[in-house]
Amino acid sequence: MAIRFKYSILFFWALVAALPAYSQVKSGAYSTMLKGLLSHTVPEISVQKAVKQQSNALFLDARELREFEVSHIPGAVHVGYDHFDMARLSLPADKNKPIIVYCSVGYRSEKIAEKLISAGYRQVSNLYGGIFEWVNHDFPVVNNSGATQQVHAYDRTWGVWLSRGEKVYK
């Protein structure tokens, strides 16, 4: 009985620790979808907290190259998902450097963040709600030409969660 109680308390505090990211998602329906979609196996960071860390954190984009080329968070490094290869990346030697991984909504980035944590990186976070939530909060995205309103919306099913910006599906 004591062990079950101990695990119940640990589970409760794990949920409480994750609540700040959940509460920062604008759409209640989007928040509900994310709670069910993600495994919540890595620390999650809200877009409001992530934007404050832009100058000292490394942002990694776990979307595919065509998505990244449409737009990405300023300063982000493309790492992909389907062909992710940690050996080919120029990751910081300092494994305590803050790293924020993102994708469209947070699923692919969660999986990449798990790999980084397994490799010994200690301050890895998944951007809760991904680039969609970043843009939904009116934070800037860029492409090779500079600032843009375009965002790769992955497909029409996932694109419903992007409420701002110009959706691109190519």
N, C-alpha and C. Protein backbone atom coordinates (compact mmCIF):
# COMPACT_ATOMS: atom_id res chain seq x y z
N MET A 1 0.82 -1.20 0.00
CA MET A 1 0.00 0.00 0.00
C MET A 1 0.86 1.25 0.00
N ALA A 2 1.94 1.26 0.80
CA ALA A 2 2.82 2.43 0.89
C ALA A 2 3.49 2.70 -0.45
N ILE A 3 3.87 1.66 -1.17
CA ILE A 3 4.52 1.84 -2.46
C ILE A 3 3.53 2.44 -3.46
N ARG A 4 2.30 1.95 -3.48
CA ARG A 4 1.28 2.49 -4.38
C ARG A 4 1.05 3.97 -4.08
N PHE A 5 0.98 4.32 -2.80
CA PHE A 5 0.78 5.71 -2.41
C PHE A 5 1.95 6.57 -2.88
N LYS A 6 3.17 6.04 -2.70
CA LYS A 6 4.37 6.77 -3.13
C LYS A 6 4.32 7.05 -4.63
N TYR A 7 3.97 6.06 -5.44
CA TYR A 7 3.89 6.25 -6.88
C TYR A 7 2.76 7.20 -7.25
N SER A 8 1.67 7.16 -6.52
CA SER A 8 0.56 8.09 -6.77
C SER A 8 1.00 9.51 -6.52
N ILE A 9 1.76 9.73 -5.46
CA ILE A 9 2.27 11.07 -5.16
C ILE A 9 3.24 11.51 -6.25
N LEU A 10 4.14 10.63 -6.68
CA LEU A 10 5.09 10.97 -7.74
C LEU A 10 4.36 11.31 -9.04
N PHE A 11 3.34 10.53 -9.38
CA PHE A 11 2.56 10.79 -10.59
C PHE A 11 1.87 12.14 -10.48
N PHE A 12 1.28 12.43 -9.32
CA PHE A 12 0.61 13.71 -9.10
C PHE A 12 1.57 14.87 -9.34
N TRP A 13 2.77 14.80 -8.75
CA TRP A 13 3.72 15.91 -8.89
C TRP A 13 4.26 16.01 -10.31
N ALA A 14 4.37 14.89 -11.02
CA ALA A 14 4.78 14.93 -12.43
C ALA A 14 3.73 15.67 -13.25
N LEU A 15 2.46 15.43 -12.96
CA LEU A 15 1.39 16.15 -13.66
C LEU A 15 1.42 17.63 -13.33
N VAL A 16 1.60 17.96 -12.06
CA VAL A 16 1.65 19.36 -11.65
C VAL A 16 2.81 20.08 -12.34
N ALA A 17 3.95 19.41 -12.46
CA ALA A 17 5.11 20.01 -13.11
C ALA A 17 4.84 20.28 -14.58
N ALA A 18 4.01 19.47 -15.22
CA ALA A 18 3.72 19.64 -16.64
C ALA A 18 2.63 20.67 -16.89
N LEU A 19 1.84 21.01 -15.89
CA LEU A 19 0.72 21.93 -16.08
C LEU A 19 1.08 23.29 -16.64
N PRO A 20 2.20 23.91 -16.28
CA PRO A 20 2.50 25.22 -16.85
C PRO A 20 2.52 25.22 -18.38
N ALA A 21 3.03 24.20 -19.01
CA ALA A 21 3.04 24.14 -20.47
C ALA A 21 1.62 23.97 -21.00
N TYR A 22 0.83 23.08 -20.36
CA TYR A 22 -0.54 22.87 -20.81
C TYR A 22 -1.35 24.15 -20.74
N SER A 23 -1.18 24.88 -19.66
CA SER A 23 -2.02 26.06 -19.45
C SER A 23 -1.68 27.20 -20.39
N GLN A 24 -0.57 27.10 -21.10
CA GLN A 24 -0.16 28.18 -21.99
C GLN A 24 -0.66 27.99 -23.43
N VAL A 25 -1.30 26.88 -23.73
CA VAL A 25 -1.82 26.65 -25.07
C VAL A 25 -3.14 27.39 -25.19
N LYS A 26 -3.26 28.21 -26.25
CA LYS A 26 -4.43 29.08 -26.41
C LYS A 26 -5.75 28.33 -26.54
N SER A 27 -5.77 27.29 -27.34
CA SER A 27 -7.00 26.56 -27.63
C SER A 27 -7.20 25.40 -26.67
N GLY A 28 -8.37 25.33 -26.05
CA GLY A 28 -8.68 24.21 -25.17
C GLY A 28 -8.71 22.89 -25.92
N ALA A 29 -9.25 22.91 -27.13
CA ALA A 29 -9.30 21.68 -27.94
C ALA A 29 -7.89 21.23 -28.32
N TYR A 30 -7.03 22.18 -28.66
CA TYR A 30 -5.64 21.87 -29.00
C TYR A 30 -4.93 21.29 -27.78
N SER A 31 -5.14 21.88 -26.62
CA SER A 31 -4.55 21.41 -25.38
C SER A 31 -4.98 19.97 -25.10
N THR A 32 -6.25 19.68 -25.26
CA THR A 32 -6.77 18.33 -25.03
C THR A 32 -6.14 17.34 -26.00
N MET A 33 -6.03 17.72 -27.27
CA MET A 33 -5.42 16.85 -28.27
C MET A 33 -3.96 16.56 -27.91
N LEU A 34 -3.22 17.60 -27.50
CA LEU A 34 -1.81 17.42 -27.16
C LEU A 34 -1.62 16.52 -25.94
N LYS A 35 -2.49 16.67 -24.97
CA LYS A 35 -2.40 15.83 -23.76
C LYS A 35 -2.49 14.35 -24.13
N GLY A 36 -3.33 14.03 -25.10
CA GLY A 36 -3.49 12.64 -25.51
C GLY A 36 -2.44 12.17 -26.50
N LEU A 37 -1.95 13.07 -27.34
CA LEU A 37 -1.00 12.70 -28.40
C LEU A 37 0.40 12.46 -27.85
N LEU A 38 0.84 13.33 -26.97
CA LEU A 38 2.21 13.27 -26.48
C LEU A 38 2.35 12.27 -25.34
N SER A 39 3.53 11.71 -25.21
CA SER A 39 3.82 10.78 -24.12
C SER A 39 4.24 11.51 -22.86
N HIS A 40 4.67 12.77 -22.98
CA HIS A 40 5.11 13.59 -21.85
C HIS A 40 6.29 12.94 -21.14
N THR A 41 7.20 12.37 -21.94
CA THR A 41 8.38 11.67 -21.41
C THR A 41 9.58 12.58 -21.24
N VAL A 42 9.50 13.81 -21.75
CA VAL A 42 10.60 14.77 -21.62
C VAL A 42 10.03 16.07 -21.07
N PRO A 43 10.88 16.90 -20.49
CA PRO A 43 10.38 18.19 -20.01
C PRO A 43 9.77 18.98 -21.16
N GLU A 44 8.68 19.66 -20.87
CA GLU A 44 8.00 20.48 -21.88
C GLU A 44 8.13 21.94 -21.49
N ILE A 45 8.25 22.79 -22.50
CA ILE A 45 8.39 24.22 -22.26
C ILE A 45 7.33 24.96 -23.06
N SER A 46 6.71 25.95 -22.45
CA SER A 46 5.71 26.75 -23.15
C SER A 46 6.40 27.70 -24.12
N VAL A 47 5.67 28.17 -25.12
CA VAL A 47 6.26 29.11 -26.07
C VAL A 47 6.66 30.41 -25.37
N GLN A 48 5.91 30.82 -24.35
CA GLN A 48 6.23 32.05 -23.63
C GLN A 48 7.59 31.93 -22.93
N LYS A 49 7.87 30.79 -22.34
CA LYS A 49 9.16 30.60 -21.68
C LYS A 49 10.27 30.39 -22.71
N ALA A 50 9.95 29.70 -23.78
CA ALA A 50 10.96 29.43 -24.81
C ALA A 50 11.42 30.72 -25.48
N VAL A 51 10.51 31.64 -25.76
CA VAL A 51 10.90 32.88 -26.42
C VAL A 51 11.87 33.68 -25.54
N LYS A 52 11.73 33.56 -24.25
CA LYS A 52 12.64 34.25 -23.31
C LYS A 52 14.02 33.62 -23.31
N GLN A 53 14.13 32.37 -23.77
CA GLN A 53 15.41 31.66 -23.80
C GLN A 53 16.07 31.69 -25.17
N GLN A 54 15.49 32.40 -26.12
CA GLN A 54 16.00 32.38 -27.48
C GLN A 54 17.47 32.75 -27.60
N SER A 55 17.94 33.64 -26.76
CA SER A 55 19.32 34.09 -26.89
C SER A 55 20.33 33.10 -26.33
N ASN A 56 19.92 32.21 -25.42
CA ASN A 56 20.91 31.30 -24.84
C ASN A 56 20.62 29.82 -25.08
N ALA A 57 19.50 29.48 -25.68
CA ALA A 57 19.17 28.07 -25.95
C ALA A 57 19.41 27.74 -27.42
N LEU A 58 19.70 26.49 -27.67
CA LEU A 58 19.81 25.99 -29.03
C LEU A 58 18.45 25.43 -29.42
N PHE A 59 17.85 25.98 -30.48
CA PHE A 59 16.56 25.50 -30.98
C PHE A 59 16.83 24.51 -32.11
N LEU A 60 16.27 23.32 -31.99
CA LEU A 60 16.40 22.29 -33.02
C LEU A 60 15.04 22.02 -33.63
N ASP A 61 14.97 22.05 -34.95
CA ASP A 61 13.73 21.83 -35.69
C ASP A 61 13.69 20.38 -36.16
N ALA A 62 12.75 19.61 -35.63
CA ALA A 62 12.64 18.19 -35.93
C ALA A 62 11.67 17.89 -37.07
N ARG A 63 11.34 18.91 -37.86
CA ARG A 63 10.46 18.67 -39.01
C ARG A 63 11.33 18.31 -40.21
N GLU A 64 10.68 17.93 -41.28
CA GLU A 64 11.42 17.60 -42.49
C GLU A 64 11.88 18.88 -43.19
N LEU A 65 12.88 18.74 -44.06
CA LEU A 65 13.52 19.90 -44.68
C LEU A 65 12.52 20.79 -45.41
N ARG A 66 11.57 20.22 -46.13
CA ARG A 66 10.60 21.04 -46.87
C ARG A 66 9.77 21.90 -45.91
N GLU A 67 9.48 21.39 -44.72
CA GLU A 67 8.75 22.16 -43.72
C GLU A 67 9.63 23.29 -43.18
N PHE A 68 10.87 22.98 -42.87
CA PHE A 68 11.83 23.95 -42.34
C PHE A 68 12.05 25.09 -43.34
N GLU A 69 12.13 24.75 -44.63
CA GLU A 69 12.39 25.77 -45.67
C GLU A 69 11.23 26.75 -45.80
N VAL A 70 10.01 26.33 -45.54
CA VAL A 70 8.86 27.25 -45.59
C VAL A 70 9.02 28.30 -44.50
N SER A 71 9.33 27.85 -43.28
CA SER A 71 9.61 28.77 -42.18
C SER A 71 10.09 27.98 -40.97
N HIS A 72 10.76 28.69 -40.09
CA HIS A 72 11.25 28.10 -38.85
C HIS A 72 11.47 29.20 -37.83
N ILE A 73 11.67 28.82 -36.60
CA ILE A 73 11.96 29.77 -35.54
C ILE A 73 13.33 30.38 -35.82
N PRO A 74 13.47 31.70 -35.68
CA PRO A 74 14.77 32.34 -35.96
C PRO A 74 15.91 31.68 -35.18
N GLY A 75 16.98 31.37 -35.89
CA GLY A 75 18.16 30.77 -35.28
C GLY A 75 18.10 29.26 -35.12
N ALA A 76 16.97 28.64 -35.46
CA ALA A 76 16.83 27.19 -35.30
C ALA A 76 17.73 26.44 -36.28
N VAL A 77 18.12 25.26 -35.86
CA VAL A 77 18.93 24.36 -36.68
C VAL A 77 18.06 23.19 -37.09
N HIS A 78 18.07 22.89 -38.38
CA HIS A 78 17.28 21.77 -38.87
C HIS A 78 17.97 20.45 -38.53
N VAL A 79 17.22 19.52 -37.89
CA VAL A 79 17.77 18.19 -37.59
C VAL A 79 16.92 17.08 -38.19
N GLY A 80 15.71 17.41 -38.61
CA GLY A 80 14.82 16.42 -39.22
C GLY A 80 14.30 15.40 -38.24
N TYR A 81 13.54 14.47 -38.79
CA TYR A 81 12.94 13.42 -37.97
C TYR A 81 13.17 12.05 -38.62
N ASP A 82 12.67 11.89 -39.84
CA ASP A 82 12.79 10.59 -40.52
C ASP A 82 14.23 10.16 -40.69
N HIS A 83 15.13 11.13 -40.93
CA HIS A 83 16.54 10.81 -41.17
C HIS A 83 17.44 11.42 -40.09
N PHE A 84 16.90 11.56 -38.89
CA PHE A 84 17.67 12.13 -37.79
C PHE A 84 18.90 11.28 -37.52
N ASP A 85 20.06 11.94 -37.47
CA ASP A 85 21.32 11.24 -37.22
C ASP A 85 22.17 12.12 -36.31
N MET A 86 22.20 11.77 -35.05
CA MET A 86 22.92 12.57 -34.07
C MET A 86 24.41 12.68 -34.41
N ALA A 87 24.97 11.66 -35.03
CA ALA A 87 26.39 11.66 -35.37
C ALA A 87 26.73 12.74 -36.40
N ARG A 88 25.77 13.15 -37.19
CA ARG A 88 26.03 14.15 -38.23
C ARG A 88 25.75 15.58 -37.76
N LEU A 89 25.29 15.74 -36.52
CA LEU A 89 24.95 17.06 -36.00
C LEU A 89 26.14 17.70 -35.31
N SER A 90 26.15 19.02 -35.30
CA SER A 90 27.13 19.77 -34.53
C SER A 90 26.46 20.20 -33.23
N LEU A 91 26.34 19.27 -32.33
CA LEU A 91 25.73 19.55 -31.04
C LEU A 91 26.77 20.14 -30.10
N PRO A 92 26.32 20.93 -29.14
CA PRO A 92 27.29 21.54 -28.23
C PRO A 92 28.03 20.49 -27.41
N ALA A 93 29.31 20.75 -27.17
CA ALA A 93 30.10 19.86 -26.32
C ALA A 93 29.59 19.93 -24.88
N ASP A 94 29.09 21.10 -24.50
CA ASP A 94 28.54 21.30 -23.16
C ASP A 94 27.16 20.66 -23.10
N LYS A 95 27.06 19.54 -22.44
CA LYS A 95 25.78 18.82 -22.37
C LYS A 95 24.79 19.46 -21.41
N ASN A 96 25.17 20.59 -20.80
CA ASN A 96 24.25 21.36 -19.95
C ASN A 96 23.64 22.54 -20.69
N LYS A 97 24.01 22.75 -21.95
CA LYS A 97 23.44 23.85 -22.73
C LYS A 97 21.95 23.59 -22.94
N PRO A 98 21.11 24.60 -22.70
CA PRO A 98 19.67 24.41 -22.94
C PRO A 98 19.38 24.14 -24.42
N ILE A 99 18.62 23.10 -24.68
CA ILE A 99 18.21 22.74 -26.03
C ILE A 99 16.69 22.65 -26.04
N ILE A 100 16.08 23.33 -27.00
CA ILE A 100 14.63 23.28 -27.17
C ILE A 100 14.35 22.67 -28.54
N VAL A 101 13.66 21.56 -28.54
CA VAL A 101 13.35 20.85 -29.78
C VAL A 101 11.88 21.10 -30.12
N TYR A 102 11.61 21.33 -31.39
CA TYR A 102 10.23 21.55 -31.80
C TYR A 102 9.96 20.92 -33.15
N CYS A 103 8.68 20.72 -33.43
CA CYS A 103 8.19 20.28 -34.74
C CYS A 103 6.88 21.02 -34.96
N SER A 104 5.94 20.45 -35.67
CA SER A 104 4.66 21.12 -35.91
C SER A 104 3.86 21.25 -34.63
N VAL A 105 3.64 20.12 -33.94
CA VAL A 105 2.81 20.14 -32.73
C VAL A 105 3.51 19.59 -31.49
N GLY A 106 4.60 18.87 -31.65
CA GLY A 106 5.36 18.37 -30.51
C GLY A 106 5.59 16.88 -30.48
N TYR A 107 5.00 16.11 -31.38
CA TYR A 107 5.16 14.66 -31.34
C TYR A 107 6.56 14.23 -31.81
N ARG A 108 6.95 14.69 -32.99
CA ARG A 108 8.27 14.30 -33.53
C ARG A 108 9.39 14.86 -32.65
N SER A 109 9.21 16.09 -32.20
CA SER A 109 10.25 16.71 -31.37
C SER A 109 10.39 15.97 -30.03
N GLU A 110 9.31 15.45 -29.51
CA GLU A 110 9.39 14.67 -28.27
C GLU A 110 10.29 13.46 -28.47
N LYS A 111 10.16 12.80 -29.61
CA LYS A 111 10.97 11.60 -29.89
C LYS A 111 12.44 11.97 -30.06
N ILE A 112 12.73 13.09 -30.72
CA ILE A 112 14.11 13.54 -30.89
C ILE A 112 14.68 13.96 -29.54
N ALA A 113 13.89 14.64 -28.73
CA ALA A 113 14.34 15.06 -27.39
C ALA A 113 14.70 13.83 -26.54
N GLU A 114 13.92 12.76 -26.65
CA GLU A 114 14.24 11.53 -25.92
C GLU A 114 15.62 11.01 -26.30
N LYS A 115 15.95 11.08 -27.60
CA LYS A 115 17.26 10.61 -28.06
C LYS A 115 18.38 11.49 -27.51
N LEU A 116 18.15 12.79 -27.49
CA LEU A 116 19.17 13.71 -26.96
C LEU A 116 19.41 13.46 -25.47
N ILE A 117 18.34 13.26 -24.74
CA ILE A 117 18.46 12.98 -23.31
C ILE A 117 19.19 11.65 -23.09
N SER A 118 18.88 10.65 -23.91
CA SER A 118 19.58 9.36 -23.81
C SER A 118 21.07 9.50 -24.11
N ALA A 119 21.43 10.50 -24.92
CA ALA A 119 22.83 10.75 -25.26
C ALA A 119 23.54 11.59 -24.20
N GLY A 120 22.81 11.96 -23.14
CA GLY A 120 23.45 12.66 -22.04
C GLY A 120 23.20 14.15 -21.94
N TYR A 121 22.43 14.71 -22.86
CA TYR A 121 22.11 16.14 -22.77
C TYR A 121 21.11 16.32 -21.63
N ARG A 122 21.40 17.29 -20.75
CA ARG A 122 20.66 17.40 -19.49
C ARG A 122 19.56 18.45 -19.48
N GLN A 123 19.62 19.42 -20.38
CA GLN A 123 18.63 20.51 -20.37
C GLN A 123 17.87 20.55 -21.69
N VAL A 124 17.23 19.45 -22.02
CA VAL A 124 16.47 19.33 -23.27
C VAL A 124 14.99 19.49 -22.95
N SER A 125 14.32 20.32 -23.74
CA SER A 125 12.88 20.53 -23.59
C SER A 125 12.19 20.37 -24.92
N ASN A 126 10.94 19.93 -24.86
CA ASN A 126 10.08 19.85 -26.04
C ASN A 126 9.20 21.09 -26.03
N LEU A 127 9.18 21.83 -27.14
CA LEU A 127 8.33 23.03 -27.24
C LEU A 127 6.88 22.59 -27.31
N TYR A 128 6.14 22.84 -26.26
CA TYR A 128 4.77 22.35 -26.15
C TYR A 128 3.85 23.06 -27.15
N GLY A 129 3.28 22.28 -28.05
CA GLY A 129 2.42 22.82 -29.10
C GLY A 129 3.18 23.13 -30.38
N GLY A 130 4.51 23.04 -30.33
CA GLY A 130 5.35 23.18 -31.51
C GLY A 130 5.30 24.55 -32.17
N ILE A 131 5.73 24.56 -33.42
CA ILE A 131 5.76 25.82 -34.17
C ILE A 131 4.34 26.36 -34.39
N PHE A 132 3.33 25.47 -34.40
CA PHE A 132 1.95 25.95 -34.54
C PHE A 132 1.60 26.87 -33.38
N GLU A 133 1.92 26.44 -32.17
CA GLU A 133 1.60 27.27 -31.00
C GLU A 133 2.47 28.52 -30.98
N TRP A 134 3.71 28.40 -31.44
CA TRP A 134 4.61 29.57 -31.55
C TRP A 134 3.96 30.64 -32.41
N VAL A 135 3.48 30.24 -33.56
CA VAL A 135 2.84 31.18 -34.50
C VAL A 135 1.48 31.62 -33.96
N ASN A 136 0.74 30.72 -33.34
CA ASN A 136 -0.56 31.09 -32.76
C ASN A 136 -0.42 32.19 -31.72
N HIS A 137 0.74 32.27 -31.08
CA HIS A 137 1.01 33.34 -30.10
C HIS A 137 1.67 34.54 -30.77
N ASP A 138 1.73 34.53 -32.09
CA ASP A 138 2.25 35.65 -32.87
C ASP A 138 3.74 35.89 -32.70
N PHE A 139 4.50 34.83 -32.40
CA PHE A 139 5.95 34.95 -32.38
C PHE A 139 6.46 34.75 -33.81
N PRO A 140 7.57 35.38 -34.16
CA PRO A 140 8.02 35.40 -35.55
C PRO A 140 8.63 34.08 -36.03
N VAL A 141 8.46 33.86 -37.32
CA VAL A 141 9.14 32.78 -38.03
C VAL A 141 9.83 33.38 -39.25
N VAL A 142 10.85 32.68 -39.74
CA VAL A 142 11.64 33.17 -40.86
C VAL A 142 11.86 32.06 -41.87
N ASN A 143 12.29 32.48 -43.06
CA ASN A 143 12.78 31.55 -44.06
C ASN A 143 14.08 32.15 -44.61
N ASN A 144 14.58 31.65 -45.71
CA ASN A 144 15.84 32.16 -46.26
C ASN A 144 15.77 33.62 -46.69
N SER A 145 14.57 34.14 -46.93
CA SER A 145 14.40 35.53 -47.34
C SER A 145 14.15 36.48 -46.18
N GLY A 146 13.96 35.95 -44.99
CA GLY A 146 13.69 36.79 -43.83
C GLY A 146 12.35 36.44 -43.19
N ALA A 147 11.74 37.42 -42.53
CA ALA A 147 10.47 37.19 -41.83
C ALA A 147 9.39 36.77 -42.83
N THR A 148 8.52 35.88 -42.38
CA THR A 148 7.42 35.40 -43.23
C THR A 148 6.21 35.09 -42.37
N GLN A 149 5.07 35.04 -43.01
CA GLN A 149 3.84 34.62 -42.35
C GLN A 149 3.52 33.16 -42.69
N GLN A 150 4.27 32.58 -43.62
CA GLN A 150 4.00 31.22 -44.05
C GLN A 150 4.47 30.20 -43.02
N VAL A 151 3.66 29.16 -42.86
CA VAL A 151 4.00 28.05 -41.97
C VAL A 151 3.57 26.77 -42.67
N HIS A 152 4.47 25.80 -42.72
CA HIS A 152 4.09 24.51 -43.27
C HIS A 152 3.13 23.86 -42.29
N ALA A 153 1.91 23.60 -42.73
CA ALA A 153 0.86 23.08 -41.86
C ALA A 153 0.77 21.56 -41.88
N TYR A 154 1.77 20.90 -42.39
CA TYR A 154 1.91 19.45 -42.47
C TYR A 154 0.87 18.84 -43.41
N ASP A 155 -0.37 18.83 -43.02
CA ASP A 155 -1.47 18.44 -43.91
C ASP A 155 -2.75 19.09 -43.37
N ARG A 156 -3.84 18.93 -44.09
CA ARG A 156 -5.08 19.63 -43.71
C ARG A 156 -5.64 19.14 -42.37
N THR A 157 -5.39 17.90 -42.01
CA THR A 157 -5.86 17.39 -40.72
C THR A 157 -5.13 18.09 -39.58
N TRP A 158 -3.81 18.15 -39.65
CA TRP A 158 -3.02 18.80 -38.59
C TRP A 158 -3.09 20.31 -38.69
N GLY A 159 -3.28 20.83 -39.88
CA GLY A 159 -3.32 22.27 -40.09
C GLY A 159 -4.44 22.99 -39.35
N VAL A 160 -5.45 22.27 -38.90
CA VAL A 160 -6.54 22.91 -38.16
C VAL A 160 -6.04 23.53 -36.86
N TRP A 161 -4.91 23.05 -36.34
CA TRP A 161 -4.40 23.56 -35.07
C TRP A 161 -3.58 24.84 -35.25
N LEU A 162 -3.34 25.23 -36.48
CA LEU A 162 -2.62 26.47 -36.78
C LEU A 162 -3.64 27.55 -37.05
N SER A 163 -3.81 28.48 -36.11
CA SER A 163 -4.87 29.49 -36.23
C SER A 163 -4.36 30.82 -36.78
N ARG A 164 -3.07 31.01 -36.89
CA ARG A 164 -2.49 32.24 -37.44
C ARG A 164 -1.53 31.85 -38.56
N GLY A 165 -1.09 32.84 -39.27
CA GLY A 165 -0.13 32.59 -40.34
C GLY A 165 -0.81 32.09 -41.59
N GLU A 166 -0.01 31.98 -42.63
CA GLU A 166 -0.48 31.50 -43.93
C GLU A 166 -0.08 30.02 -44.06
N LYS A 167 -1.07 29.14 -44.12
CA LYS A 167 -0.81 27.71 -44.18
C LYS A 167 -0.27 27.31 -45.55
N VAL A 168 0.79 26.52 -45.54
CA VAL A 168 1.41 25.99 -46.76
C VAL A 168 1.41 24.48 -46.62
N TYR A 169 1.04 23.78 -47.69
CA TYR A 169 0.99 22.32 -47.65
C TYR A 169 1.92 21.65 -48.64
N LYS A 170 2.76 22.39 -49.34
CA LYS A 170 3.64 21.79 -50.35
C LYS A 170 4.85 21.15 -49.76
